[in-house]
């Protein structure tokens, strides 16, 4: 597969903003069951090898996963403050769960898990996201093993169909 024409300007923006840790953060909007938008901030985790698909990680227990299962469309908005550039990437979303049938995507999921810091992996061992925090001890857990992803850990892929820069 050839790289999309927007990849070069995006790579340049990432490079020119690399000193800003938060330049890897972007906003992703999905659609709720009541047809209202839902927006949240994600961390860009690179591109899936040999594709134009952007990689993120998420927890299958959250509302975002339910929204994607129901309607797998989303739009990311990514602003780079140093270069004053904005990218809007609209496309289809794919959740790669623990039982995904594609072996290559399972391997990418495993690789994404292994590349996370202990602190990032620990968040997936916390209590159910989006639920009230009734027991603070539920957030004082050891980091899970780096070798095997937890069952609710997902690799999230955005396959852009339209990009505005």
N, C-alpha and C. Protein backbone atom coordinates (compact mmCIF):
# COMPACT_ATOMS: atom_id res chain seq x y z
N UNK A 1 0.84 -1.19 0.00
CA UNK A 1 0.00 0.00 0.00
C UNK A 1 0.88 1.24 0.00
N UNK A 2 0.49 2.22 -0.80
CA UNK A 2 1.25 3.47 -0.83
C UNK A 2 0.75 4.39 0.29
N UNK A 3 1.63 5.23 0.72
CA UNK A 3 1.27 6.17 1.78
C UNK A 3 0.40 7.28 1.21
N UNK A 4 -0.59 7.68 1.97
CA UNK A 4 -1.49 8.75 1.56
C UNK A 4 -0.74 10.08 1.51
N UNK A 5 -1.23 10.99 0.68
CA UNK A 5 -0.56 12.29 0.50
C UNK A 5 -0.52 13.11 1.79
N UNK A 6 -1.43 12.88 2.73
CA UNK A 6 -1.47 13.64 3.98
C UNK A 6 -0.44 13.15 4.99
N UNK A 7 0.15 11.98 4.75
CA UNK A 7 1.10 11.42 5.72
C UNK A 7 2.36 12.29 5.85
N UNK A 8 2.86 12.81 4.75
CA UNK A 8 4.07 13.61 4.80
C UNK A 8 3.87 14.90 5.59
N UNK A 9 2.82 15.69 5.33
CA UNK A 9 2.60 16.88 6.16
C UNK A 9 2.35 16.54 7.64
N UNK A 10 1.68 15.43 7.90
CA UNK A 10 1.45 15.03 9.28
C UNK A 10 2.76 14.64 9.96
N UNK A 11 3.59 13.88 9.26
CA UNK A 11 4.90 13.50 9.82
C UNK A 11 5.75 14.74 10.09
N UNK A 12 5.70 15.70 9.18
CA UNK A 12 6.45 16.95 9.36
C UNK A 12 5.94 17.71 10.58
N UNK A 13 4.61 17.79 10.75
CA UNK A 13 4.04 18.48 11.91
C UNK A 13 4.43 17.78 13.21
N UNK A 14 4.38 16.45 13.21
CA UNK A 14 4.79 15.70 14.40
C UNK A 14 6.26 15.97 14.73
N UNK A 15 7.09 15.98 13.70
CA UNK A 15 8.52 16.21 13.92
C UNK A 15 8.78 17.63 14.44
N UNK A 16 8.14 18.61 13.84
CA UNK A 16 8.38 20.00 14.24
C UNK A 16 7.80 20.34 15.61
N UNK A 17 6.86 19.52 16.09
CA UNK A 17 6.24 19.73 17.40
C UNK A 17 6.70 18.69 18.42
N UNK A 18 7.74 17.92 18.09
CA UNK A 18 8.16 16.78 18.93
C UNK A 18 8.57 17.18 20.34
N UNK A 19 9.00 18.40 20.56
CA UNK A 19 9.40 18.84 21.90
C UNK A 19 8.19 19.01 22.83
N UNK A 20 7.01 19.08 22.26
CA UNK A 20 5.78 19.25 23.04
C UNK A 20 5.16 17.87 23.26
N UNK A 21 5.24 17.36 24.48
CA UNK A 21 4.72 16.03 24.78
C UNK A 21 3.27 15.90 24.34
N UNK A 22 2.50 16.94 24.57
CA UNK A 22 1.07 16.89 24.28
C UNK A 22 0.76 16.98 22.78
N UNK A 23 1.76 17.14 21.94
CA UNK A 23 1.51 17.17 20.50
C UNK A 23 1.07 15.80 19.97
N UNK A 24 1.23 14.77 20.78
CA UNK A 24 0.77 13.43 20.39
C UNK A 24 -0.67 13.17 20.83
N UNK A 25 -1.28 14.16 21.47
CA UNK A 25 -2.67 14.04 21.92
C UNK A 25 -3.59 14.63 20.85
N UNK A 26 -4.68 13.95 20.60
CA UNK A 26 -5.68 14.46 19.67
C UNK A 26 -7.06 14.14 20.20
N UNK A 27 -8.06 14.76 19.61
CA UNK A 27 -9.43 14.53 20.04
C UNK A 27 -10.12 13.64 19.01
N UNK A 28 -10.85 12.65 19.51
CA UNK A 28 -11.60 11.74 18.65
C UNK A 28 -13.07 11.82 19.01
N UNK A 29 -13.89 12.08 18.00
CA UNK A 29 -15.34 12.13 18.19
C UNK A 29 -15.98 10.89 17.59
N UNK A 30 -16.94 10.34 18.34
CA UNK A 30 -17.77 9.24 17.88
C UNK A 30 -19.22 9.67 18.07
N UNK A 31 -20.16 8.76 17.81
CA UNK A 31 -21.58 9.09 17.91
C UNK A 31 -22.23 8.20 18.97
N UNK A 32 -22.92 8.85 19.92
CA UNK A 32 -23.66 8.13 20.97
C UNK A 32 -24.93 7.49 20.39
N UNK A 33 -25.55 6.63 21.18
CA UNK A 33 -26.80 5.98 20.76
C UNK A 33 -27.90 6.99 20.49
N UNK A 34 -27.88 8.12 21.20
CA UNK A 34 -28.91 9.15 20.99
C UNK A 34 -28.53 10.13 19.87
N UNK A 35 -27.51 9.76 19.09
CA UNK A 35 -27.05 10.52 17.93
C UNK A 35 -26.29 11.80 18.27
N UNK A 36 -25.98 12.01 19.55
CA UNK A 36 -25.18 13.17 19.93
C UNK A 36 -23.70 12.79 19.83
N UNK A 37 -22.84 13.77 19.56
CA UNK A 37 -21.41 13.48 19.49
C UNK A 37 -20.82 13.21 20.87
N UNK A 38 -19.80 12.38 20.88
CA UNK A 38 -19.01 12.13 22.09
C UNK A 38 -17.55 12.36 21.71
N UNK A 39 -16.84 13.15 22.50
CA UNK A 39 -15.48 13.54 22.17
C UNK A 39 -14.57 13.24 23.34
N UNK A 40 -13.36 12.80 23.06
CA UNK A 40 -12.37 12.54 24.10
C UNK A 40 -10.97 12.69 23.53
N UNK A 41 -10.00 12.80 24.42
CA UNK A 41 -8.60 12.94 24.02
C UNK A 41 -7.93 11.57 24.06
N UNK A 42 -7.17 11.27 23.01
CA UNK A 42 -6.41 10.03 22.92
C UNK A 42 -4.95 10.35 22.65
N UNK A 43 -4.10 9.36 22.87
CA UNK A 43 -2.68 9.49 22.57
C UNK A 43 -2.39 8.73 21.27
N UNK A 44 -1.79 9.40 20.32
CA UNK A 44 -1.40 8.78 19.06
C UNK A 44 -0.26 7.80 19.33
N UNK A 45 -0.42 6.56 18.85
CA UNK A 45 0.56 5.50 19.09
C UNK A 45 1.23 5.03 17.81
N UNK A 46 1.27 5.90 16.81
CA UNK A 46 1.93 5.54 15.56
C UNK A 46 0.95 5.00 14.53
N UNK A 47 1.51 4.54 13.43
CA UNK A 47 0.70 3.98 12.35
C UNK A 47 0.85 2.47 12.33
N UNK A 48 -0.22 1.78 11.98
CA UNK A 48 -0.15 0.34 11.79
C UNK A 48 0.76 0.10 10.60
N UNK A 49 1.74 -0.78 10.76
CA UNK A 49 2.74 -1.04 9.72
C UNK A 49 2.09 -1.30 8.36
N UNK A 50 2.62 -0.64 7.35
CA UNK A 50 2.18 -0.86 5.98
C UNK A 50 0.82 -0.29 5.64
N UNK A 51 0.28 0.58 6.51
CA UNK A 51 -1.05 1.15 6.27
C UNK A 51 -1.02 2.65 6.56
N UNK A 52 -2.16 3.28 6.33
CA UNK A 52 -2.36 4.67 6.72
C UNK A 52 -3.22 4.77 7.97
N UNK A 53 -3.39 3.67 8.68
CA UNK A 53 -4.25 3.62 9.86
C UNK A 53 -3.51 4.13 11.09
N UNK A 54 -4.13 5.06 11.80
CA UNK A 54 -3.58 5.59 13.04
C UNK A 54 -3.92 4.63 14.17
N UNK A 55 -2.97 4.45 15.09
CA UNK A 55 -3.16 3.54 16.22
C UNK A 55 -3.36 4.30 17.53
N UNK A 56 -4.28 3.78 18.33
CA UNK A 56 -4.54 4.26 19.69
C UNK A 56 -4.80 3.02 20.54
N UNK A 57 -4.88 3.19 21.83
CA UNK A 57 -5.30 2.09 22.70
C UNK A 57 -6.49 2.55 23.53
N UNK A 58 -7.33 1.59 23.90
CA UNK A 58 -8.51 1.91 24.69
C UNK A 58 -8.97 0.69 25.46
N UNK A 59 -9.93 0.91 26.33
CA UNK A 59 -10.49 -0.12 27.18
C UNK A 59 -11.85 -0.54 26.62
N UNK A 60 -12.04 -1.82 26.38
CA UNK A 60 -13.29 -2.32 25.81
C UNK A 60 -14.48 -2.10 26.72
N UNK A 61 -14.24 -1.78 27.99
CA UNK A 61 -15.34 -1.60 28.95
C UNK A 61 -15.93 -0.19 28.90
N UNK A 62 -15.34 0.71 28.12
CA UNK A 62 -15.83 2.09 28.14
C UNK A 62 -16.91 2.34 27.08
N UNK A 63 -17.56 3.49 27.20
CA UNK A 63 -18.65 3.85 26.28
C UNK A 63 -18.16 4.02 24.85
N UNK A 64 -16.93 4.44 24.69
CA UNK A 64 -16.37 4.63 23.35
C UNK A 64 -16.44 3.32 22.56
N UNK A 65 -16.10 2.21 23.21
CA UNK A 65 -16.13 0.91 22.53
C UNK A 65 -17.55 0.56 22.09
N UNK A 66 -18.52 0.81 22.94
CA UNK A 66 -19.93 0.56 22.58
C UNK A 66 -20.34 1.42 21.39
N UNK A 67 -19.91 2.68 21.39
CA UNK A 67 -20.26 3.59 20.30
C UNK A 67 -19.65 3.11 18.98
N UNK A 68 -18.42 2.66 19.03
CA UNK A 68 -17.73 2.19 17.82
C UNK A 68 -18.37 0.90 17.32
N UNK A 69 -18.74 0.01 18.24
CA UNK A 69 -19.42 -1.23 17.84
C UNK A 69 -20.71 -0.92 17.09
N UNK A 70 -21.44 0.06 17.55
CA UNK A 70 -22.73 0.40 16.97
C UNK A 70 -22.57 1.16 15.64
N UNK A 71 -21.65 2.11 15.61
CA UNK A 71 -21.44 2.95 14.43
C UNK A 71 -19.94 3.23 14.32
N UNK A 72 -19.24 2.48 13.46
CA UNK A 72 -17.77 2.57 13.44
C UNK A 72 -17.19 3.73 12.65
N UNK A 73 -17.75 4.91 12.83
CA UNK A 73 -17.23 6.11 12.19
C UNK A 73 -16.75 7.08 13.25
N UNK A 74 -15.70 7.80 12.94
CA UNK A 74 -15.21 8.80 13.86
C UNK A 74 -14.44 9.88 13.12
N UNK A 75 -14.17 10.95 13.85
CA UNK A 75 -13.36 12.03 13.29
C UNK A 75 -12.41 12.52 14.36
N UNK A 76 -11.14 12.58 13.98
CA UNK A 76 -10.10 13.09 14.87
C UNK A 76 -9.78 14.52 14.48
N UNK A 77 -9.51 15.32 15.49
CA UNK A 77 -9.07 16.69 15.28
C UNK A 77 -7.75 16.84 16.04
N UNK A 78 -6.73 17.25 15.33
CA UNK A 78 -5.38 17.25 15.89
C UNK A 78 -4.75 18.61 15.61
N UNK A 79 -4.45 19.32 16.67
CA UNK A 79 -3.85 20.65 16.53
C UNK A 79 -2.41 20.62 17.00
N UNK A 80 -1.53 21.19 16.20
CA UNK A 80 -0.11 21.29 16.54
C UNK A 80 0.20 22.75 16.85
N UNK A 81 0.41 23.08 18.13
CA UNK A 81 0.54 24.49 18.53
C UNK A 81 1.78 25.20 18.00
N UNK A 82 2.90 24.51 17.91
CA UNK A 82 4.12 25.19 17.48
C UNK A 82 4.02 25.64 16.02
N UNK A 83 3.48 24.78 15.18
CA UNK A 83 3.38 25.10 13.76
C UNK A 83 2.01 25.65 13.36
N UNK A 84 1.11 25.71 14.33
CA UNK A 84 -0.24 26.24 14.11
C UNK A 84 -0.95 25.54 12.95
N UNK A 85 -0.87 24.21 13.00
CA UNK A 85 -1.53 23.40 11.98
C UNK A 85 -2.63 22.57 12.63
N UNK A 86 -3.67 22.32 11.85
CA UNK A 86 -4.73 21.44 12.30
C UNK A 86 -5.00 20.39 11.23
N UNK A 87 -5.17 19.15 11.68
CA UNK A 87 -5.57 18.06 10.80
C UNK A 87 -6.91 17.53 11.31
N UNK A 88 -7.83 17.32 10.39
CA UNK A 88 -9.08 16.63 10.71
C UNK A 88 -9.10 15.36 9.87
N UNK A 89 -9.23 14.23 10.55
CA UNK A 89 -9.17 12.94 9.89
C UNK A 89 -10.47 12.18 10.18
N UNK A 90 -11.30 12.02 9.16
CA UNK A 90 -12.57 11.31 9.31
C UNK A 90 -12.46 9.96 8.64
N UNK A 91 -12.98 8.94 9.32
CA UNK A 91 -12.92 7.61 8.73
C UNK A 91 -13.54 6.55 9.60
N UNK A 92 -13.24 5.31 9.25
CA UNK A 92 -13.80 4.18 9.98
C UNK A 92 -12.87 3.78 11.12
N UNK A 93 -13.50 3.28 12.17
CA UNK A 93 -12.79 2.85 13.37
C UNK A 93 -12.90 1.34 13.51
N UNK A 94 -11.83 0.72 13.97
CA UNK A 94 -11.82 -0.72 14.21
C UNK A 94 -11.22 -0.98 15.57
N UNK A 95 -11.95 -1.73 16.39
CA UNK A 95 -11.43 -2.16 17.69
C UNK A 95 -10.85 -3.56 17.53
N UNK A 96 -9.59 -3.71 17.88
CA UNK A 96 -8.95 -5.03 17.85
C UNK A 96 -8.97 -5.54 19.28
N UNK A 97 -9.91 -6.45 19.53
CA UNK A 97 -10.10 -7.01 20.87
C UNK A 97 -9.28 -8.29 21.04
N UNK A 98 -9.39 -8.88 22.22
CA UNK A 98 -8.59 -10.07 22.51
C UNK A 98 -8.94 -11.27 21.64
N UNK A 99 -10.12 -11.34 21.08
CA UNK A 99 -10.52 -12.48 20.25
C UNK A 99 -10.63 -12.11 18.76
N UNK A 100 -9.98 -11.04 18.35
CA UNK A 100 -10.08 -10.64 16.94
C UNK A 100 -9.50 -11.76 16.06
N UNK A 101 -10.18 -12.09 14.95
CA UNK A 101 -9.76 -13.23 14.13
C UNK A 101 -8.50 -13.00 13.29
N UNK A 102 -8.11 -11.75 13.07
CA UNK A 102 -6.95 -11.47 12.22
C UNK A 102 -5.67 -11.56 13.04
N UNK A 103 -4.81 -12.52 12.68
CA UNK A 103 -3.58 -12.78 13.44
C UNK A 103 -2.63 -11.58 13.41
N UNK A 104 -2.53 -10.91 12.27
CA UNK A 104 -1.63 -9.76 12.17
C UNK A 104 -2.10 -8.63 13.08
N UNK A 105 -3.42 -8.43 13.15
CA UNK A 105 -3.94 -7.38 14.04
C UNK A 105 -3.78 -7.78 15.50
N UNK A 106 -3.89 -9.07 15.80
CA UNK A 106 -3.65 -9.53 17.17
C UNK A 106 -2.19 -9.27 17.56
N UNK A 107 -1.30 -9.49 16.61
CA UNK A 107 0.12 -9.22 16.86
C UNK A 107 0.35 -7.73 17.10
N UNK A 108 -0.32 -6.88 16.33
CA UNK A 108 -0.21 -5.43 16.52
C UNK A 108 -0.76 -5.03 17.88
N UNK A 109 -1.85 -5.66 18.31
CA UNK A 109 -2.43 -5.40 19.63
C UNK A 109 -1.43 -5.76 20.72
N UNK A 110 -0.81 -6.92 20.59
CA UNK A 110 0.18 -7.37 21.57
C UNK A 110 1.36 -6.40 21.61
N UNK A 111 1.81 -5.97 20.45
CA UNK A 111 2.93 -5.04 20.38
C UNK A 111 2.58 -3.70 21.03
N UNK A 112 1.35 -3.23 20.81
CA UNK A 112 0.91 -1.97 21.43
C UNK A 112 0.91 -2.10 22.95
N UNK A 113 0.45 -3.23 23.46
CA UNK A 113 0.44 -3.47 24.91
C UNK A 113 1.87 -3.45 25.45
N UNK A 114 2.76 -4.14 24.78
CA UNK A 114 4.14 -4.26 25.25
C UNK A 114 4.88 -2.94 25.18
N UNK A 115 4.46 -2.04 24.31
CA UNK A 115 5.15 -0.75 24.19
C UNK A 115 4.68 0.27 25.24
N UNK A 116 3.60 -0.05 25.96
CA UNK A 116 3.11 0.87 26.99
C UNK A 116 4.02 0.88 28.21
N UNK A 117 4.06 1.98 28.89
CA UNK A 117 4.77 2.07 30.17
C UNK A 117 3.99 1.28 31.22
N UNK A 118 4.65 0.96 32.33
CA UNK A 118 3.95 0.29 33.44
C UNK A 118 2.76 1.12 33.89
N UNK A 119 2.95 2.44 33.97
CA UNK A 119 1.86 3.32 34.42
C UNK A 119 0.66 3.25 33.48
N UNK A 120 0.93 3.22 32.18
CA UNK A 120 -0.17 3.14 31.21
C UNK A 120 -0.87 1.79 31.29
N UNK A 121 -0.10 0.70 31.42
CA UNK A 121 -0.71 -0.63 31.55
C UNK A 121 -1.54 -0.73 32.83
N UNK A 122 -1.09 -0.09 33.89
CA UNK A 122 -1.80 -0.14 35.17
C UNK A 122 -3.21 0.42 35.05
N UNK A 123 -3.40 1.42 34.23
CA UNK A 123 -4.74 2.00 34.06
C UNK A 123 -5.75 0.97 33.58
N UNK A 124 -5.29 -0.02 32.84
CA UNK A 124 -6.20 -1.06 32.35
C UNK A 124 -6.55 -2.08 33.44
N UNK A 125 -5.85 -2.03 34.56
CA UNK A 125 -6.16 -2.90 35.70
C UNK A 125 -7.08 -2.21 36.70
N UNK A 126 -7.35 -0.94 36.48
CA UNK A 126 -8.23 -0.19 37.37
C UNK A 126 -9.67 -0.68 37.23
N UNK A 127 -10.50 -0.14 38.11
CA UNK A 127 -11.93 -0.44 38.06
C UNK A 127 -12.52 0.02 36.72
N UNK A 128 -13.72 -0.42 36.47
CA UNK A 128 -14.43 -0.13 35.22
C UNK A 128 -14.43 1.37 34.93
N UNK A 129 -13.96 1.79 33.73
CA UNK A 129 -13.94 3.22 33.40
C UNK A 129 -15.36 3.78 33.26
N UNK A 130 -15.52 5.01 33.70
CA UNK A 130 -16.80 5.67 33.58
C UNK A 130 -17.78 5.37 34.70
N UNK A 131 -17.39 4.51 35.61
CA UNK A 131 -18.26 4.19 36.75
C UNK A 131 -17.79 4.97 37.97
N UNK A 132 -18.67 5.19 38.93
CA UNK A 132 -18.27 5.93 40.14
C UNK A 132 -17.12 5.24 40.87
N UNK A 133 -16.23 6.04 41.40
CA UNK A 133 -15.09 5.52 42.16
C UNK A 133 -15.52 5.30 43.61
N UNK A 134 -15.91 4.10 43.92
CA UNK A 134 -16.39 3.80 45.27
C UNK A 134 -15.26 3.36 46.19
N UNK A 135 -14.25 2.74 45.63
CA UNK A 135 -13.16 2.21 46.44
C UNK A 135 -11.82 2.69 45.87
N UNK A 136 -11.18 3.61 46.56
CA UNK A 136 -9.92 4.16 46.07
C UNK A 136 -8.85 3.07 45.92
N UNK A 137 -8.95 2.01 46.71
CA UNK A 137 -7.98 0.92 46.62
C UNK A 137 -8.02 0.23 45.25
N UNK A 138 -9.13 0.33 44.57
CA UNK A 138 -9.24 -0.28 43.24
C UNK A 138 -8.30 0.38 42.24
N UNK A 139 -7.74 1.52 42.62
CA UNK A 139 -6.82 2.24 41.74
C UNK A 139 -5.37 2.11 42.21
N UNK A 140 -5.14 1.37 43.27
CA UNK A 140 -3.79 1.12 43.78
C UNK A 140 -3.43 -0.32 43.48
N UNK A 141 -3.17 -0.59 42.22
CA UNK A 141 -2.88 -1.95 41.78
C UNK A 141 -1.50 -2.00 41.13
N UNK A 142 -0.93 -3.18 41.12
CA UNK A 142 0.37 -3.37 40.48
C UNK A 142 0.19 -3.38 38.96
N UNK A 143 1.25 -3.05 38.27
CA UNK A 143 1.21 -3.07 36.80
C UNK A 143 1.02 -4.50 36.32
N UNK A 144 0.13 -4.71 35.35
CA UNK A 144 -0.04 -6.05 34.79
C UNK A 144 1.21 -6.50 34.04
N UNK A 145 1.30 -7.78 33.79
CA UNK A 145 2.42 -8.33 33.02
C UNK A 145 2.54 -7.62 31.68
N UNK A 146 3.76 -7.37 31.27
CA UNK A 146 3.99 -6.68 30.00
C UNK A 146 3.83 -7.61 28.80
N UNK A 147 3.84 -8.91 29.04
CA UNK A 147 3.83 -9.86 27.93
C UNK A 147 2.44 -10.11 27.34
N UNK A 148 1.42 -10.17 28.19
CA UNK A 148 0.08 -10.54 27.73
C UNK A 148 -0.92 -9.44 28.04
N UNK A 149 -1.58 -8.89 27.02
CA UNK A 149 -2.57 -7.84 27.27
C UNK A 149 -3.75 -8.36 28.10
N UNK A 150 -4.30 -7.48 28.91
CA UNK A 150 -5.52 -7.82 29.64
C UNK A 150 -6.65 -7.99 28.62
N UNK A 151 -7.65 -8.80 28.94
CA UNK A 151 -8.72 -9.10 27.97
C UNK A 151 -9.46 -7.88 27.45
N UNK A 152 -9.61 -6.85 28.25
CA UNK A 152 -10.37 -5.67 27.81
C UNK A 152 -9.49 -4.60 27.15
N UNK A 153 -8.20 -4.88 27.01
CA UNK A 153 -7.31 -3.96 26.29
C UNK A 153 -7.58 -4.08 24.79
N UNK A 154 -7.76 -2.94 24.14
CA UNK A 154 -8.01 -2.93 22.69
C UNK A 154 -7.02 -2.02 21.98
N UNK A 155 -6.62 -2.45 20.82
CA UNK A 155 -5.96 -1.57 19.87
C UNK A 155 -7.08 -0.93 19.06
N UNK A 156 -7.06 0.37 18.93
CA UNK A 156 -8.07 1.11 18.17
C UNK A 156 -7.39 1.69 16.93
N UNK A 157 -7.97 1.40 15.78
CA UNK A 157 -7.43 1.89 14.51
C UNK A 157 -8.40 2.86 13.86
N UNK A 158 -7.87 3.96 13.37
CA UNK A 158 -8.64 4.91 12.57
C UNK A 158 -8.10 4.85 11.14
N UNK A 159 -8.98 4.47 10.22
CA UNK A 159 -8.64 4.40 8.80
C UNK A 159 -9.24 5.62 8.11
N UNK A 160 -8.45 6.68 7.92
CA UNK A 160 -9.00 7.93 7.37
C UNK A 160 -9.50 7.78 5.93
N UNK A 161 -10.70 8.28 5.70
CA UNK A 161 -11.28 8.34 4.36
C UNK A 161 -11.22 9.76 3.83
N UNK A 162 -11.15 10.72 4.75
CA UNK A 162 -11.09 12.14 4.37
C UNK A 162 -10.18 12.86 5.36
N UNK A 163 -9.26 13.65 4.84
CA UNK A 163 -8.33 14.40 5.68
C UNK A 163 -8.33 15.85 5.23
N UNK A 164 -8.48 16.72 6.21
CA UNK A 164 -8.45 18.16 5.96
C UNK A 164 -7.25 18.72 6.71
N UNK A 165 -6.40 19.46 6.01
CA UNK A 165 -5.21 20.06 6.63
C UNK A 165 -5.15 21.52 6.25
